[in-house]
Amino acid sequence: MPPNGYTTITIPEETSERLTQLMIQHELETMSEAVEYAVDSTLTNDSLSDAELAQLLYQRLRSSDTNT
């Protein structure tokens, strides 16, 4: 169970790999920081639900993976 104020997510291995690449490219220390960075760079609408946000992040990471 995650600490208070945190949520656990399950992501495909390919998404994890992309987040790891993001950590290296932007000198982020944790996967959490990589997720936050990806969300901040992707998010254009603050009214998204957690599920919508996770789906958007997954699509964005998947899209950037196919474009590299």
N, C-alpha and C. Protein backbone atom coordinates (compact mmCIF):
# COMPACT_ATOMS: atom_id res chain seq x y z
N MET A 1 0.86 -1.18 0.00
CA MET A 1 0.00 0.00 0.00
C MET A 1 0.90 1.24 0.00
N PRO A 2 0.59 2.20 -0.88
CA PRO A 2 1.44 3.40 -0.95
C PRO A 2 1.25 4.31 0.26
N PRO A 3 2.22 5.16 0.52
CA PRO A 3 2.10 6.11 1.63
C PRO A 3 0.91 7.05 1.42
N ASN A 4 0.46 7.65 2.49
CA ASN A 4 -0.64 8.60 2.43
C ASN A 4 -0.30 9.72 1.44
N GLY A 5 -1.24 10.05 0.57
CA GLY A 5 -1.02 11.10 -0.41
C GLY A 5 -0.44 10.60 -1.72
N TYR A 6 -0.23 9.29 -1.84
CA TYR A 6 0.31 8.70 -3.07
C TYR A 6 -0.64 7.65 -3.61
N THR A 7 -0.54 7.38 -4.90
CA THR A 7 -1.35 6.37 -5.56
C THR A 7 -0.41 5.45 -6.33
N THR A 8 -0.72 4.19 -6.35
CA THR A 8 0.04 3.22 -7.12
C THR A 8 -0.59 3.10 -8.50
N ILE A 9 0.25 3.07 -9.54
CA ILE A 9 -0.25 2.86 -10.90
C ILE A 9 0.46 1.66 -11.50
N THR A 10 -0.20 1.00 -12.44
CA THR A 10 0.39 -0.10 -13.18
C THR A 10 0.50 0.35 -14.63
N ILE A 11 1.70 0.26 -15.18
CA ILE A 11 1.92 0.71 -16.55
C ILE A 11 2.65 -0.39 -17.32
N PRO A 12 2.49 -0.40 -18.63
CA PRO A 12 3.22 -1.39 -19.42
C PRO A 12 4.73 -1.18 -19.31
N GLU A 13 5.50 -2.24 -19.54
CA GLU A 13 6.96 -2.14 -19.46
C GLU A 13 7.50 -1.10 -20.43
N GLU A 14 6.90 -1.00 -21.61
CA GLU A 14 7.38 -0.02 -22.59
C GLU A 14 7.20 1.41 -22.08
N THR A 15 6.14 1.66 -21.33
CA THR A 15 5.94 2.98 -20.76
C THR A 15 6.97 3.24 -19.67
N SER A 16 7.25 2.22 -18.88
CA SER A 16 8.28 2.34 -17.86
C SER A 16 9.64 2.67 -18.48
N GLU A 17 9.94 2.02 -19.59
CA GLU A 17 11.19 2.28 -20.29
C GLU A 17 11.25 3.73 -20.79
N ARG A 18 10.14 4.22 -21.32
CA ARG A 18 10.08 5.61 -21.79
C ARG A 18 10.25 6.58 -20.62
N LEU A 19 9.64 6.28 -19.50
CA LEU A 19 9.79 7.14 -18.33
C LEU A 19 11.24 7.13 -17.84
N THR A 20 11.89 5.98 -17.93
CA THR A 20 13.30 5.90 -17.55
C THR A 20 14.15 6.76 -18.47
N GLN A 21 13.85 6.73 -19.76
CA GLN A 21 14.57 7.58 -20.72
C GLN A 21 14.34 9.06 -20.38
N LEU A 22 13.12 9.39 -20.01
CA LEU A 22 12.79 10.77 -19.62
C LEU A 22 13.59 11.18 -18.39
N MET A 23 13.74 10.25 -17.44
CA MET A 23 14.52 10.54 -16.23
C MET A 23 15.96 10.88 -16.59
N ILE A 24 16.52 10.11 -17.52
CA ILE A 24 17.91 10.33 -17.92
C ILE A 24 18.05 11.65 -18.68
N GLN A 25 17.16 11.87 -19.64
CA GLN A 25 17.23 13.07 -20.48
C GLN A 25 17.10 14.36 -19.69
N HIS A 26 16.26 14.33 -18.66
CA HIS A 26 15.96 15.55 -17.91
C HIS A 26 16.53 15.53 -16.49
N GLU A 27 17.41 14.57 -16.24
CA GLU A 27 18.09 14.45 -14.95
C GLU A 27 17.11 14.44 -13.77
N LEU A 28 16.08 13.62 -13.91
CA LEU A 28 15.09 13.45 -12.85
C LEU A 28 15.53 12.30 -11.97
N GLU A 29 15.27 12.42 -10.68
CA GLU A 29 15.78 11.42 -9.73
C GLU A 29 14.86 10.23 -9.51
N THR A 30 13.57 10.40 -9.73
CA THR A 30 12.64 9.31 -9.45
C THR A 30 11.65 9.13 -10.59
N MET A 31 11.05 7.96 -10.63
CA MET A 31 10.00 7.68 -11.61
C MET A 31 8.82 8.62 -11.38
N SER A 32 8.55 8.93 -10.13
CA SER A 32 7.48 9.86 -9.80
C SER A 32 7.72 11.22 -10.44
N GLU A 33 8.96 11.70 -10.39
CA GLU A 33 9.29 12.97 -11.02
C GLU A 33 9.13 12.88 -12.54
N ALA A 34 9.46 11.74 -13.11
CA ALA A 34 9.31 11.54 -14.55
C ALA A 34 7.84 11.58 -14.95
N VAL A 35 6.99 10.93 -14.16
CA VAL A 35 5.55 10.96 -14.42
C VAL A 35 5.04 12.39 -14.31
N GLU A 36 5.45 13.09 -13.26
CA GLU A 36 5.01 14.48 -13.07
C GLU A 36 5.48 15.36 -14.24
N TYR A 37 6.72 15.17 -14.67
CA TYR A 37 7.25 15.94 -15.80
C TYR A 37 6.43 15.65 -17.06
N ALA A 38 6.17 14.38 -17.33
CA ALA A 38 5.41 14.00 -18.51
C ALA A 38 4.00 14.57 -18.46
N VAL A 39 3.39 14.52 -17.30
CA VAL A 39 2.05 15.07 -17.14
C VAL A 39 2.06 16.57 -17.35
N ASP A 40 3.00 17.26 -16.72
CA ASP A 40 3.07 18.72 -16.85
C ASP A 40 3.32 19.14 -18.29
N SER A 41 4.12 18.38 -19.03
CA SER A 41 4.41 18.74 -20.41
C SER A 41 3.27 18.35 -21.36
N THR A 42 2.38 17.49 -20.90
CA THR A 42 1.29 17.00 -21.73
C THR A 42 -0.03 17.69 -21.41
N LEU A 43 -0.24 17.97 -20.16
CA LEU A 43 -1.54 18.43 -19.68
C LEU A 43 -1.91 19.80 -20.22
N THR A 44 -3.06 19.87 -20.85
CA THR A 44 -3.58 21.15 -21.32
C THR A 44 -4.93 21.47 -20.69
N ASN A 45 -5.48 20.51 -19.96
CA ASN A 45 -6.81 20.68 -19.38
C ASN A 45 -6.79 20.17 -17.94
N ASP A 46 -6.93 21.07 -16.98
CA ASP A 46 -6.86 20.70 -15.57
C ASP A 46 -8.09 19.93 -15.08
N SER A 47 -9.12 19.78 -15.92
CA SER A 47 -10.34 19.13 -15.46
C SER A 47 -10.37 17.64 -15.79
N LEU A 48 -9.25 17.06 -16.19
CA LEU A 48 -9.22 15.64 -16.51
C LEU A 48 -9.27 14.80 -15.24
N SER A 49 -9.96 13.66 -15.33
CA SER A 49 -9.96 12.72 -14.21
C SER A 49 -8.63 12.00 -14.18
N ASP A 50 -8.35 11.30 -13.09
CA ASP A 50 -7.11 10.53 -12.99
C ASP A 50 -7.01 9.50 -14.11
N ALA A 51 -8.13 8.83 -14.41
CA ALA A 51 -8.13 7.82 -15.47
C ALA A 51 -7.86 8.45 -16.83
N GLU A 52 -8.48 9.60 -17.09
CA GLU A 52 -8.25 10.30 -18.36
C GLU A 52 -6.81 10.78 -18.47
N LEU A 53 -6.28 11.26 -17.37
CA LEU A 53 -4.90 11.72 -17.34
C LEU A 53 -3.93 10.57 -17.59
N ALA A 54 -4.17 9.43 -16.96
CA ALA A 54 -3.31 8.26 -17.16
C ALA A 54 -3.38 7.80 -18.61
N GLN A 55 -4.56 7.79 -19.19
CA GLN A 55 -4.71 7.39 -20.59
C GLN A 55 -3.99 8.36 -21.52
N LEU A 56 -4.12 9.66 -21.25
CA LEU A 56 -3.44 10.67 -22.06
C LEU A 56 -1.92 10.52 -21.97
N LEU A 57 -1.42 10.30 -20.77
CA LEU A 57 0.01 10.10 -20.57
C LEU A 57 0.49 8.87 -21.32
N TYR A 58 -0.25 7.78 -21.20
CA TYR A 58 0.11 6.55 -21.90
C TYR A 58 0.15 6.78 -23.41
N GLN A 59 -0.86 7.44 -23.95
CA GLN A 59 -0.91 7.70 -25.38
C GLN A 59 0.25 8.60 -25.82
N ARG A 60 0.55 9.60 -25.01
CA ARG A 60 1.63 10.52 -25.36
C ARG A 60 2.98 9.81 -25.35
N LEU A 61 3.22 9.00 -24.33
CA LEU A 61 4.48 8.25 -24.27
C LEU A 61 4.57 7.24 -25.40
N ARG A 62 3.49 6.59 -25.70
CA ARG A 62 3.45 5.60 -26.79
C ARG A 62 3.69 6.29 -28.12
N SER A 63 3.09 7.45 -28.29
CA SER A 63 3.25 8.21 -29.52
C SER A 63 4.70 8.66 -29.69
N SER A 64 5.32 9.15 -28.63
CA SER A 64 6.70 9.60 -28.73
C SER A 64 7.63 8.43 -28.96
N ASP A 65 7.27 7.25 -28.49
CA ASP A 65 8.09 6.06 -28.69
C ASP A 65 8.07 5.64 -30.16
N THR A 66 6.95 5.78 -30.82
CA THR A 66 6.86 5.37 -32.23
C THR A 66 7.47 6.42 -33.14
N ASN A 67 7.69 7.63 -32.64
CA ASN A 67 8.29 8.68 -33.45
C ASN A 67 9.79 8.78 -33.30
N THR A 68 10.40 7.90 -32.49
CA THR A 68 11.85 7.95 -32.30
C THR A 68 12.54 6.87 -33.07
